[in-house]
Amino acid sequence: VIHHFNDVATARAFFASPDLKNAMQRA
């Protein structure tokens, strides 16, 4: 899965989100 962002800081914040980890577990 390749995610595109406008900048690296936004990408890092997205992947640091606990909500993302929970969503991946549910998936």
mmCIF file of all heavy atoms, coordinates in Angstrom:
data_MODEL
# 
_entry.id   MODEL 
# 
loop_
_atom_site.group_PDB 
_atom_site.id 
_atom_site.type_symbol 
_atom_site.label_atom_id 
_atom_site.label_alt_id 
_atom_site.label_comp_id 
_atom_site.label_asym_id 
_atom_site.label_entity_id 
_atom_site.label_seq_id 
_atom_site.pdbx_PDB_ins_code 
_atom_site.Cartn_x 
_atom_site.Cartn_y 
_atom_site.Cartn_z 
_atom_site.occupancy 
_atom_site.B_iso_or_equiv 
_atom_site.pdbx_formal_charge 
_atom_site.auth_seq_id 
_atom_site.auth_comp_id 
_atom_site.auth_asym_id 
_atom_site.auth_atom_id 
_atom_site.pdbx_PDB_model_num 
ATOM 1   N N   . VAL A 1 1  ? 0.872   -1.172 0.000  1.00 0.00 ? 1  VAL A N   1 
ATOM 2   C CA  . VAL A 1 1  ? 0.000   0.000  0.000  1.00 0.00 ? 1  VAL A CA  1 
ATOM 3   C C   . VAL A 1 1  ? 0.911   1.224  0.000  1.00 0.00 ? 1  VAL A C   1 
ATOM 4   O O   . VAL A 1 1  ? 1.777   1.353  0.863  1.00 0.00 ? 1  VAL A O   1 
ATOM 5   C CB  . VAL A 1 1  ? -0.923  0.023  1.234  1.00 0.00 ? 1  VAL A CB  1 
ATOM 6   C CG1 . VAL A 1 1  ? -1.824  1.251  1.205  1.00 0.00 ? 1  VAL A CG1 1 
ATOM 7   C CG2 . VAL A 1 1  ? -1.742  -1.253 1.319  1.00 0.00 ? 1  VAL A CG2 1 
ATOM 8   N N   . ILE A 1 2  ? 0.724   2.092  -0.963 1.00 0.00 ? 2  ILE A N   1 
ATOM 9   C CA  . ILE A 1 2  ? 1.526   3.308  -1.060 1.00 0.00 ? 2  ILE A CA  1 
ATOM 10  C C   . ILE A 1 2  ? 0.617   4.490  -0.749 1.00 0.00 ? 2  ILE A C   1 
ATOM 11  O O   . ILE A 1 2  ? -0.355  4.724  -1.468 1.00 0.00 ? 2  ILE A O   1 
ATOM 12  C CB  . ILE A 1 2  ? 2.153   3.453  -2.459 1.00 0.00 ? 2  ILE A CB  1 
ATOM 13  C CG1 . ILE A 1 2  ? 2.999   2.227  -2.776 1.00 0.00 ? 2  ILE A CG1 1 
ATOM 14  C CG2 . ILE A 1 2  ? 2.963   4.740  -2.540 1.00 0.00 ? 2  ILE A CG2 1 
ATOM 15  C CD1 . ILE A 1 2  ? 3.507   2.186  -4.197 1.00 0.00 ? 2  ILE A CD1 1 
ATOM 16  N N   . HIS A 1 3  ? 0.926   5.191  0.318  1.00 0.00 ? 3  HIS A N   1 
ATOM 17  C CA  . HIS A 1 3  ? 0.164   6.380  0.685  1.00 0.00 ? 3  HIS A CA  1 
ATOM 18  C C   . HIS A 1 3  ? 0.947   7.612  0.242  1.00 0.00 ? 3  HIS A C   1 
ATOM 19  O O   . HIS A 1 3  ? 2.143   7.708  0.500  1.00 0.00 ? 3  HIS A O   1 
ATOM 20  C CB  . HIS A 1 3  ? -0.057  6.447  2.200  1.00 0.00 ? 3  HIS A CB  1 
ATOM 21  C CG  . HIS A 1 3  ? -1.029  5.441  2.708  1.00 0.00 ? 3  HIS A CG  1 
ATOM 22  N ND1 . HIS A 1 3  ? -0.663  4.165  3.039  1.00 0.00 ? 3  HIS A ND1 1 
ATOM 23  C CD2 . HIS A 1 3  ? -2.353  5.529  2.954  1.00 0.00 ? 3  HIS A CD2 1 
ATOM 24  C CE1 . HIS A 1 3  ? -1.724  3.498  3.468  1.00 0.00 ? 3  HIS A CE1 1 
ATOM 25  N NE2 . HIS A 1 3  ? -2.768  4.312  3.423  1.00 0.00 ? 3  HIS A NE2 1 
ATOM 26  N N   . HIS A 1 4  ? 0.254   8.537  -0.394 1.00 0.00 ? 4  HIS A N   1 
ATOM 27  C CA  . HIS A 1 4  ? 0.859   9.805  -0.802 1.00 0.00 ? 4  HIS A CA  1 
ATOM 28  C C   . HIS A 1 4  ? 0.359   10.906 0.127  1.00 0.00 ? 4  HIS A C   1 
ATOM 29  O O   . HIS A 1 4  ? -0.822  10.940 0.482  1.00 0.00 ? 4  HIS A O   1 
ATOM 30  C CB  . HIS A 1 4  ? 0.466   10.144 -2.247 1.00 0.00 ? 4  HIS A CB  1 
ATOM 31  C CG  . HIS A 1 4  ? 1.020   9.189  -3.247 1.00 0.00 ? 4  HIS A CG  1 
ATOM 32  N ND1 . HIS A 1 4  ? 2.085   9.496  -4.053 1.00 0.00 ? 4  HIS A ND1 1 
ATOM 33  C CD2 . HIS A 1 4  ? 0.662   7.925  -3.569 1.00 0.00 ? 4  HIS A CD2 1 
ATOM 34  C CE1 . HIS A 1 4  ? 2.360   8.464  -4.843 1.00 0.00 ? 4  HIS A CE1 1 
ATOM 35  N NE2 . HIS A 1 4  ? 1.498   7.493  -4.549 1.00 0.00 ? 4  HIS A NE2 1 
ATOM 36  N N   . PHE A 1 5  ? 1.268   11.803 0.510  1.00 0.00 ? 5  PHE A N   1 
ATOM 37  C CA  . PHE A 1 5  ? 0.972   12.941 1.378  1.00 0.00 ? 5  PHE A CA  1 
ATOM 38  C C   . PHE A 1 5  ? 1.608   14.187 0.766  1.00 0.00 ? 5  PHE A C   1 
ATOM 39  O O   . PHE A 1 5  ? 2.510   14.090 -0.062 1.00 0.00 ? 5  PHE A O   1 
ATOM 40  C CB  . PHE A 1 5  ? 1.572   12.725 2.777  1.00 0.00 ? 5  PHE A CB  1 
ATOM 41  C CG  . PHE A 1 5  ? 1.029   11.539 3.516  1.00 0.00 ? 5  PHE A CG  1 
ATOM 42  C CD1 . PHE A 1 5  ? 1.553   10.268 3.310  1.00 0.00 ? 5  PHE A CD1 1 
ATOM 43  C CD2 . PHE A 1 5  ? 0.009   11.687 4.431  1.00 0.00 ? 5  PHE A CD2 1 
ATOM 44  C CE1 . PHE A 1 5  ? 1.061   9.170  3.996  1.00 0.00 ? 5  PHE A CE1 1 
ATOM 45  C CE2 . PHE A 1 5  ? -0.496  10.592 5.129  1.00 0.00 ? 5  PHE A CE2 1 
ATOM 46  C CZ  . PHE A 1 5  ? 0.035   9.333  4.904  1.00 0.00 ? 5  PHE A CZ  1 
ATOM 47  N N   . ASN A 1 6  ? 1.190   15.341 1.233  1.00 0.00 ? 6  ASN A N   1 
ATOM 48  C CA  . ASN A 1 6  ? 1.794   16.587 0.756  1.00 0.00 ? 6  ASN A CA  1 
ATOM 49  C C   . ASN A 1 6  ? 3.168   16.829 1.358  1.00 0.00 ? 6  ASN A C   1 
ATOM 50  O O   . ASN A 1 6  ? 3.974   17.546 0.776  1.00 0.00 ? 6  ASN A O   1 
ATOM 51  C CB  . ASN A 1 6  ? 0.874   17.777 1.049  1.00 0.00 ? 6  ASN A CB  1 
ATOM 52  C CG  . ASN A 1 6  ? -0.346  17.768 0.146  1.00 0.00 ? 6  ASN A CG  1 
ATOM 53  O OD1 . ASN A 1 6  ? -0.290  17.319 -0.993 1.00 0.00 ? 6  ASN A OD1 1 
ATOM 54  N ND2 . ASN A 1 6  ? -1.453  18.257 0.667  1.00 0.00 ? 6  ASN A ND2 1 
ATOM 55  N N   . ASP A 1 7  ? 3.450   16.226 2.522  1.00 0.00 ? 7  ASP A N   1 
ATOM 56  C CA  . ASP A 1 7  ? 4.767   16.392 3.142  1.00 0.00 ? 7  ASP A CA  1 
ATOM 57  C C   . ASP A 1 7  ? 5.037   15.233 4.105  1.00 0.00 ? 7  ASP A C   1 
ATOM 58  O O   . ASP A 1 7  ? 4.122   14.528 4.527  1.00 0.00 ? 7  ASP A O   1 
ATOM 59  C CB  . ASP A 1 7  ? 4.886   17.746 3.854  1.00 0.00 ? 7  ASP A CB  1 
ATOM 60  C CG  . ASP A 1 7  ? 3.796   17.949 4.890  1.00 0.00 ? 7  ASP A CG  1 
ATOM 61  O OD1 . ASP A 1 7  ? 3.850   17.281 5.942  1.00 0.00 ? 7  ASP A OD1 1 
ATOM 62  O OD2 . ASP A 1 7  ? 2.888   18.768 4.642  1.00 0.00 ? 7  ASP A OD2 1 
ATOM 63  N N   . VAL A 1 8  ? 6.302   15.065 4.438  1.00 0.00 ? 8  VAL A N   1 
ATOM 64  C CA  . VAL A 1 8  ? 6.728   13.947 5.286  1.00 0.00 ? 8  VAL A CA  1 
ATOM 65  C C   . VAL A 1 8  ? 6.195   14.095 6.712  1.00 0.00 ? 8  VAL A C   1 
ATOM 66  O O   . VAL A 1 8  ? 5.847   13.102 7.354  1.00 0.00 ? 8  VAL A O   1 
ATOM 67  C CB  . VAL A 1 8  ? 8.267   13.801 5.278  1.00 0.00 ? 8  VAL A CB  1 
ATOM 68  C CG1 . VAL A 1 8  ? 8.734   12.750 6.264  1.00 0.00 ? 8  VAL A CG1 1 
ATOM 69  C CG2 . VAL A 1 8  ? 8.760   13.465 3.887  1.00 0.00 ? 8  VAL A CG2 1 
ATOM 70  N N   . ALA A 1 9  ? 6.113   15.315 7.210  1.00 0.00 ? 9  ALA A N   1 
ATOM 71  C CA  . ALA A 1 9  ? 5.614   15.518 8.581  1.00 0.00 ? 9  ALA A CA  1 
ATOM 72  C C   . ALA A 1 9  ? 4.183   15.000 8.724  1.00 0.00 ? 9  ALA A C   1 
ATOM 73  O O   . ALA A 1 9  ? 3.849   14.363 9.728  1.00 0.00 ? 9  ALA A O   1 
ATOM 74  C CB  . ALA A 1 9  ? 5.689   16.998 8.954  1.00 0.00 ? 9  ALA A CB  1 
ATOM 75  N N   . THR A 1 10 ? 3.359   15.245 7.722  1.00 0.00 ? 10 THR A N   1 
ATOM 76  C CA  . THR A 1 10 ? 1.984   14.753 7.758  1.00 0.00 ? 10 THR A CA  1 
ATOM 77  C C   . THR A 1 10 ? 1.961   13.230 7.710  1.00 0.00 ? 10 THR A C   1 
ATOM 78  O O   . THR A 1 10 ? 1.190   12.586 8.417  1.00 0.00 ? 10 THR A O   1 
ATOM 79  C CB  . THR A 1 10 ? 1.176   15.342 6.587  1.00 0.00 ? 10 THR A CB  1 
ATOM 80  O OG1 . THR A 1 10 ? 1.223   16.770 6.664  1.00 0.00 ? 10 THR A OG1 1 
ATOM 81  C CG2 . THR A 1 10 ? -0.267  14.875 6.603  1.00 0.00 ? 10 THR A CG2 1 
ATOM 82  N N   . ALA A 1 11 ? 2.839   12.644 6.902  1.00 0.00 ? 11 ALA A N   1 
ATOM 83  C CA  . ALA A 1 11 ? 2.920   11.184 6.796  1.00 0.00 ? 11 ALA A CA  1 
ATOM 84  C C   . ALA A 1 11 ? 3.338   10.572 8.136  1.00 0.00 ? 11 ALA A C   1 
ATOM 85  O O   . ALA A 1 11 ? 2.744   9.595  8.593  1.00 0.00 ? 11 ALA A O   1 
ATOM 86  C CB  . ALA A 1 11 ? 3.912   10.796 5.707  1.00 0.00 ? 11 ALA A CB  1 
ATOM 87  N N   . ARG A 1 12 ? 4.330   11.154 8.759  1.00 0.00 ? 12 ARG A N   1 
ATOM 88  C CA  . ARG A 1 12 ? 4.796   10.627 10.043 1.00 0.00 ? 12 ARG A CA  1 
ATOM 89  C C   . ARG A 1 12 ? 3.694   10.708 11.110 1.00 0.00 ? 12 ARG A C   1 
ATOM 90  O O   . ARG A 1 12 ? 3.521   9.781  11.903 1.00 0.00 ? 12 ARG A O   1 
ATOM 91  C CB  . ARG A 1 12 ? 6.044   11.362 10.503 1.00 0.00 ? 12 ARG A CB  1 
ATOM 92  C CG  . ARG A 1 12 ? 7.266   11.039 9.660  1.00 0.00 ? 12 ARG A CG  1 
ATOM 93  C CD  . ARG A 1 12 ? 8.529   11.690 10.219 1.00 0.00 ? 12 ARG A CD  1 
ATOM 94  N NE  . ARG A 1 12 ? 9.655   11.530 9.342  1.00 0.00 ? 12 ARG A NE  1 
ATOM 95  C CZ  . ARG A 1 12 ? 10.394  10.436 9.208  1.00 0.00 ? 12 ARG A CZ  1 
ATOM 96  N NH1 . ARG A 1 12 ? 10.104  9.369  9.929  1.00 0.00 ? 12 ARG A NH1 1 
ATOM 97  N NH2 . ARG A 1 12 ? 11.414  10.392 8.371  1.00 0.00 ? 12 ARG A NH2 1 
ATOM 98  N N   . ALA A 1 13 ? 2.960   11.810 11.119 1.00 0.00 ? 13 ALA A N   1 
ATOM 99  C CA  . ALA A 1 13 ? 1.872   11.963 12.086 1.00 0.00 ? 13 ALA A CA  1 
ATOM 100 C C   . ALA A 1 13 ? 0.783   10.921 11.835 1.00 0.00 ? 13 ALA A C   1 
ATOM 101 O O   . ALA A 1 13 ? 0.240   10.339 12.780 1.00 0.00 ? 13 ALA A O   1 
ATOM 102 C CB  . ALA A 1 13 ? 1.301   13.375 12.005 1.00 0.00 ? 13 ALA A CB  1 
ATOM 103 N N   . PHE A 1 14 ? 0.459   10.669 10.573 1.00 0.00 ? 14 PHE A N   1 
ATOM 104 C CA  . PHE A 1 14 ? -0.563  9.684  10.228 1.00 0.00 ? 14 PHE A CA  1 
ATOM 105 C C   . PHE A 1 14 ? -0.164  8.297  10.730 1.00 0.00 ? 14 PHE A C   1 
ATOM 106 O O   . PHE A 1 14 ? -0.956  7.605  11.367 1.00 0.00 ? 14 PHE A O   1 
ATOM 107 C CB  . PHE A 1 14 ? -0.764  9.659  8.712  1.00 0.00 ? 14 PHE A CB  1 
ATOM 108 C CG  . PHE A 1 14 ? -1.747  8.633  8.237  1.00 0.00 ? 14 PHE A CG  1 
ATOM 109 C CD1 . PHE A 1 14 ? -3.112  8.842  8.364  1.00 0.00 ? 14 PHE A CD1 1 
ATOM 110 C CD2 . PHE A 1 14 ? -1.317  7.453  7.647  1.00 0.00 ? 14 PHE A CD2 1 
ATOM 111 C CE1 . PHE A 1 14 ? -4.036  7.893  7.916  1.00 0.00 ? 14 PHE A CE1 1 
ATOM 112 C CE2 . PHE A 1 14 ? -2.217  6.504  7.195  1.00 0.00 ? 14 PHE A CE2 1 
ATOM 113 C CZ  . PHE A 1 14 ? -3.582  6.731  7.336  1.00 0.00 ? 14 PHE A CZ  1 
ATOM 114 N N   . PHE A 1 15 ? 1.081   7.895  10.477 1.00 0.00 ? 15 PHE A N   1 
ATOM 115 C CA  . PHE A 1 15 ? 1.503   6.551  10.859 1.00 0.00 ? 15 PHE A CA  1 
ATOM 116 C C   . PHE A 1 15 ? 1.780   6.405  12.347 1.00 0.00 ? 15 PHE A C   1 
ATOM 117 O O   . PHE A 1 15 ? 1.862   5.297  12.849 1.00 0.00 ? 15 PHE A O   1 
ATOM 118 C CB  . PHE A 1 15 ? 2.698   6.106  10.013 1.00 0.00 ? 15 PHE A CB  1 
ATOM 119 C CG  . PHE A 1 15 ? 2.293   5.772  8.612  1.00 0.00 ? 15 PHE A CG  1 
ATOM 120 C CD1 . PHE A 1 15 ? 2.567   6.639  7.571  1.00 0.00 ? 15 PHE A CD1 1 
ATOM 121 C CD2 . PHE A 1 15 ? 1.594   4.614  8.334  1.00 0.00 ? 15 PHE A CD2 1 
ATOM 122 C CE1 . PHE A 1 15 ? 2.166   6.349  6.276  1.00 0.00 ? 15 PHE A CE1 1 
ATOM 123 C CE2 . PHE A 1 15 ? 1.178   4.310  7.058  1.00 0.00 ? 15 PHE A CE2 1 
ATOM 124 C CZ  . PHE A 1 15 ? 1.471   5.177  6.027  1.00 0.00 ? 15 PHE A CZ  1 
ATOM 125 N N   . ALA A 1 16 ? 1.892   7.517  13.070 1.00 0.00 ? 16 ALA A N   1 
ATOM 126 C CA  . ALA A 1 16 ? 2.073   7.470  14.520 1.00 0.00 ? 16 ALA A CA  1 
ATOM 127 C C   . ALA A 1 16 ? 0.739   7.398  15.252 1.00 0.00 ? 16 ALA A C   1 
ATOM 128 O O   . ALA A 1 16 ? 0.707   7.176  16.463 1.00 0.00 ? 16 ALA A O   1 
ATOM 129 C CB  . ALA A 1 16 ? 2.851   8.700  14.982 1.00 0.00 ? 16 ALA A CB  1 
ATOM 130 N N   . SER A 1 17 ? -0.355  7.539  14.535 1.00 0.00 ? 17 SER A N   1 
ATOM 131 C CA  . SER A 1 17 ? -1.683  7.590  15.151 1.00 0.00 ? 17 SER A CA  1 
ATOM 132 C C   . SER A 1 17 ? -2.097  6.238  15.724 1.00 0.00 ? 17 SER A C   1 
ATOM 133 O O   . SER A 1 17 ? -2.076  5.223  15.034 1.00 0.00 ? 17 SER A O   1 
ATOM 134 C CB  . SER A 1 17 ? -2.714  8.025  14.105 1.00 0.00 ? 17 SER A CB  1 
ATOM 135 O OG  . SER A 1 17 ? -4.017  7.801  14.572 1.00 0.00 ? 17 SER A OG  1 
ATOM 136 N N   . PRO A 1 18 ? -2.516  6.212  16.991 1.00 0.00 ? 18 PRO A N   1 
ATOM 137 C CA  . PRO A 1 18 ? -3.032  4.961  17.556 1.00 0.00 ? 18 PRO A CA  1 
ATOM 138 C C   . PRO A 1 18 ? -4.311  4.502  16.846 1.00 0.00 ? 18 PRO A C   1 
ATOM 139 O O   . PRO A 1 18 ? -4.597  3.316  16.793 1.00 0.00 ? 18 PRO A O   1 
ATOM 140 C CB  . PRO A 1 18 ? -3.319  5.289  19.021 1.00 0.00 ? 18 PRO A CB  1 
ATOM 141 C CG  . PRO A 1 18 ? -2.979  6.713  19.231 1.00 0.00 ? 18 PRO A CG  1 
ATOM 142 C CD  . PRO A 1 18 ? -2.467  7.292  17.961 1.00 0.00 ? 18 PRO A CD  1 
ATOM 143 N N   . ASP A 1 19 ? -5.061  5.451  16.290 1.00 0.00 ? 19 ASP A N   1 
ATOM 144 C CA  . ASP A 1 19 ? -6.265  5.087  15.541 1.00 0.00 ? 19 ASP A CA  1 
ATOM 145 C C   . ASP A 1 19 ? -5.918  4.238  14.321 1.00 0.00 ? 19 ASP A C   1 
ATOM 146 O O   . ASP A 1 19 ? -6.664  3.330  13.957 1.00 0.00 ? 19 ASP A O   1 
ATOM 147 C CB  . ASP A 1 19 ? -7.027  6.333  15.093 1.00 0.00 ? 19 ASP A CB  1 
ATOM 148 C CG  . ASP A 1 19 ? -7.648  7.087  16.260 1.00 0.00 ? 19 ASP A CG  1 
ATOM 149 O OD1 . ASP A 1 19 ? -7.868  6.466  17.325 1.00 0.00 ? 19 ASP A OD1 1 
ATOM 150 O OD2 . ASP A 1 19 ? -7.892  8.289  16.107 1.00 0.00 ? 19 ASP A OD2 1 
ATOM 151 N N   . LEU A 1 20 ? -4.784  4.527  13.687 1.00 0.00 ? 20 LEU A N   1 
ATOM 152 C CA  . LEU A 1 20 ? -4.368  3.737  12.527 1.00 0.00 ? 20 LEU A CA  1 
ATOM 153 C C   . LEU A 1 20 ? -4.056  2.306  12.936 1.00 0.00 ? 20 LEU A C   1 
ATOM 154 O O   . LEU A 1 20 ? -4.477  1.360  12.275 1.00 0.00 ? 20 LEU A O   1 
ATOM 155 C CB  . LEU A 1 20 ? -3.154  4.365  11.840 1.00 0.00 ? 20 LEU A CB  1 
ATOM 156 C CG  . LEU A 1 20 ? -2.609  3.562  10.664 1.00 0.00 ? 20 LEU A CG  1 
ATOM 157 C CD1 . LEU A 1 20 ? -3.637  3.443  9.542  1.00 0.00 ? 20 LEU A CD1 1 
ATOM 158 C CD2 . LEU A 1 20 ? -1.328  4.189  10.141 1.00 0.00 ? 20 LEU A CD2 1 
ATOM 159 N N   . LYS A 1 21 ? -3.352  2.149  14.032 1.00 0.00 ? 21 LYS A N   1 
ATOM 160 C CA  . LYS A 1 21 ? -3.034  0.794  14.507 1.00 0.00 ? 21 LYS A CA  1 
ATOM 161 C C   . LYS A 1 21 ? -4.308  0.002  14.779 1.00 0.00 ? 21 LYS A C   1 
ATOM 162 O O   . LYS A 1 21 ? -4.429  -1.154 14.393 1.00 0.00 ? 21 LYS A O   1 
ATOM 163 C CB  . LYS A 1 21 ? -2.164  0.865  15.756 1.00 0.00 ? 21 LYS A CB  1 
ATOM 164 C CG  . LYS A 1 21 ? -1.690  -0.486 16.222 1.00 0.00 ? 21 LYS A CG  1 
ATOM 165 C CD  . LYS A 1 21 ? -0.695  -0.380 17.359 1.00 0.00 ? 21 LYS A CD  1 
ATOM 166 C CE  . LYS A 1 21 ? -0.174  -1.751 17.712 1.00 0.00 ? 21 LYS A CE  1 
ATOM 167 N NZ  . LYS A 1 21 ? 0.887   -1.723 18.690 1.00 0.00 ? 21 LYS A NZ  1 
ATOM 168 N N   . ASN A 1 22 ? -5.279  0.636  15.407 1.00 0.00 ? 22 ASN A N   1 
ATOM 169 C CA  . ASN A 1 22 ? -6.557  -0.031 15.677 1.00 0.00 ? 22 ASN A CA  1 
ATOM 170 C C   . ASN A 1 22 ? -7.281  -0.386 14.385 1.00 0.00 ? 22 ASN A C   1 
ATOM 171 O O   . ASN A 1 22 ? -7.840  -1.481 14.259 1.00 0.00 ? 22 ASN A O   1 
ATOM 172 C CB  . ASN A 1 22 ? -7.444  0.859  16.549 1.00 0.00 ? 22 ASN A CB  1 
ATOM 173 C CG  . ASN A 1 22 ? -6.918  1.002  17.954 1.00 0.00 ? 22 ASN A CG  1 
ATOM 174 O OD1 . ASN A 1 22 ? -6.202  0.146  18.454 1.00 0.00 ? 22 ASN A OD1 1 
ATOM 175 N ND2 . ASN A 1 22 ? -7.251  2.113  18.593 1.00 0.00 ? 22 ASN A ND2 1 
ATOM 176 N N   . ALA A 1 23 ? -7.270  0.523  13.423 1.00 0.00 ? 23 ALA A N   1 
ATOM 177 C CA  . ALA A 1 23 ? -7.934  0.262  12.135 1.00 0.00 ? 23 ALA A CA  1 
ATOM 178 C C   . ALA A 1 23 ? -7.268  -0.900 11.410 1.00 0.00 ? 23 ALA A C   1 
ATOM 179 O O   . ALA A 1 23 ? -7.950  -1.742 10.812 1.00 0.00 ? 23 ALA A O   1 
ATOM 180 C CB  . ALA A 1 23 ? -7.904  1.515  11.267 1.00 0.00 ? 23 ALA A CB  1 
ATOM 181 N N   . MET A 1 24 ? -5.946  -0.986 11.461 1.00 0.00 ? 24 MET A N   1 
ATOM 182 C CA  . MET A 1 24 ? -5.240  -2.097 10.801 1.00 0.00 ? 24 MET A CA  1 
ATOM 183 C C   . MET A 1 24 ? -5.573  -3.423 11.471 1.00 0.00 ? 24 MET A C   1 
ATOM 184 O O   . MET A 1 24 ? -5.759  -4.435 10.793 1.00 0.00 ? 24 MET A O   1 
ATOM 185 C CB  . MET A 1 24 ? -3.735  -1.844 10.786 1.00 0.00 ? 24 MET A CB  1 
ATOM 186 C CG  . MET A 1 24 ? -3.332  -0.754 9.819  1.00 0.00 ? 24 MET A CG  1 
ATOM 187 S SD  . MET A 1 24 ? -1.550  -0.619 9.521  1.00 0.00 ? 24 MET A SD  1 
ATOM 188 C CE  . MET A 1 24 ? -0.912  -0.290 11.140 1.00 0.00 ? 24 MET A CE  1 
ATOM 189 N N   . GLN A 1 25 ? -5.679  -3.425 12.793 1.00 0.00 ? 25 GLN A N   1 
ATOM 190 C CA  . GLN A 1 25 ? -6.050  -4.650 13.498 1.00 0.00 ? 25 GLN A CA  1 
ATOM 191 C C   . GLN A 1 25 ? -7.452  -5.089 13.107 1.00 0.00 ? 25 GLN A C   1 
ATOM 192 O O   . GLN A 1 25 ? -7.692  -6.270 12.855 1.00 0.00 ? 25 GLN A O   1 
ATOM 193 C CB  . GLN A 1 25 ? -5.955  -4.448 15.005 1.00 0.00 ? 25 GLN A CB  1 
ATOM 194 C CG  . GLN A 1 25 ? -4.536  -4.387 15.508 1.00 0.00 ? 25 GLN A CG  1 
ATOM 195 C CD  . GLN A 1 25 ? -4.464  -4.109 17.004 1.00 0.00 ? 25 GLN A CD  1 
ATOM 196 O OE1 . GLN A 1 25 ? -5.413  -3.629 17.614 1.00 0.00 ? 25 GLN A OE1 1 
ATOM 197 N NE2 . GLN A 1 25 ? -3.309  -4.396 17.583 1.00 0.00 ? 25 GLN A NE2 1 
ATOM 198 N N   . ARG A 1 26 ? -8.388  -4.138 13.035 1.00 0.00 ? 26 ARG A N   1 
ATOM 199 C CA  . ARG A 1 26 ? -9.760  -4.464 12.637 1.00 0.00 ? 26 ARG A CA  1 
ATOM 200 C C   . ARG A 1 26 ? -9.821  -4.975 11.202 1.00 0.00 ? 26 ARG A C   1 
ATOM 201 O O   . ARG A 1 26 ? -10.658 -5.804 10.859 1.00 0.00 ? 26 ARG A O   1 
ATOM 202 C CB  . ARG A 1 26 ? -10.667 -3.243 12.793 1.00 0.00 ? 26 ARG A CB  1 
ATOM 203 C CG  . ARG A 1 26 ? -10.982 -2.884 14.224 1.00 0.00 ? 26 ARG A CG  1 
ATOM 204 C CD  . ARG A 1 26 ? -12.095 -1.838 14.332 1.00 0.00 ? 26 ARG A CD  1 
ATOM 205 N NE  . ARG A 1 26 ? -11.897 -0.676 13.485 1.00 0.00 ? 26 ARG A NE  1 
ATOM 206 C CZ  . ARG A 1 26 ? -11.223 0.420  13.819 1.00 0.00 ? 26 ARG A CZ  1 
ATOM 207 N NH1 . ARG A 1 26 ? -10.670 0.508  15.015 1.00 0.00 ? 26 ARG A NH1 1 
ATOM 208 N NH2 . ARG A 1 26 ? -11.123 1.440  12.979 1.00 0.00 ? 26 ARG A NH2 1 
ATOM 209 N N   . ALA A 1 27 ? -8.906  -4.502 10.358 1.00 0.00 ? 27 ALA A N   1 
ATOM 210 C CA  . ALA A 1 27 ? -8.878  -4.912 8.949  1.00 0.00 ? 27 ALA A CA  1 
ATOM 211 C C   . ALA A 1 27 ? -8.207  -6.263 8.760  1.00 0.00 ? 27 ALA A C   1 
ATOM 212 O O   . ALA A 1 27 ? -8.215  -6.813 7.667  1.00 0.00 ? 27 ALA A O   1 
ATOM 213 C CB  . ALA A 1 27 ? -8.167  -3.854 8.114  1.00 0.00 ? 27 ALA A CB  1 
# 
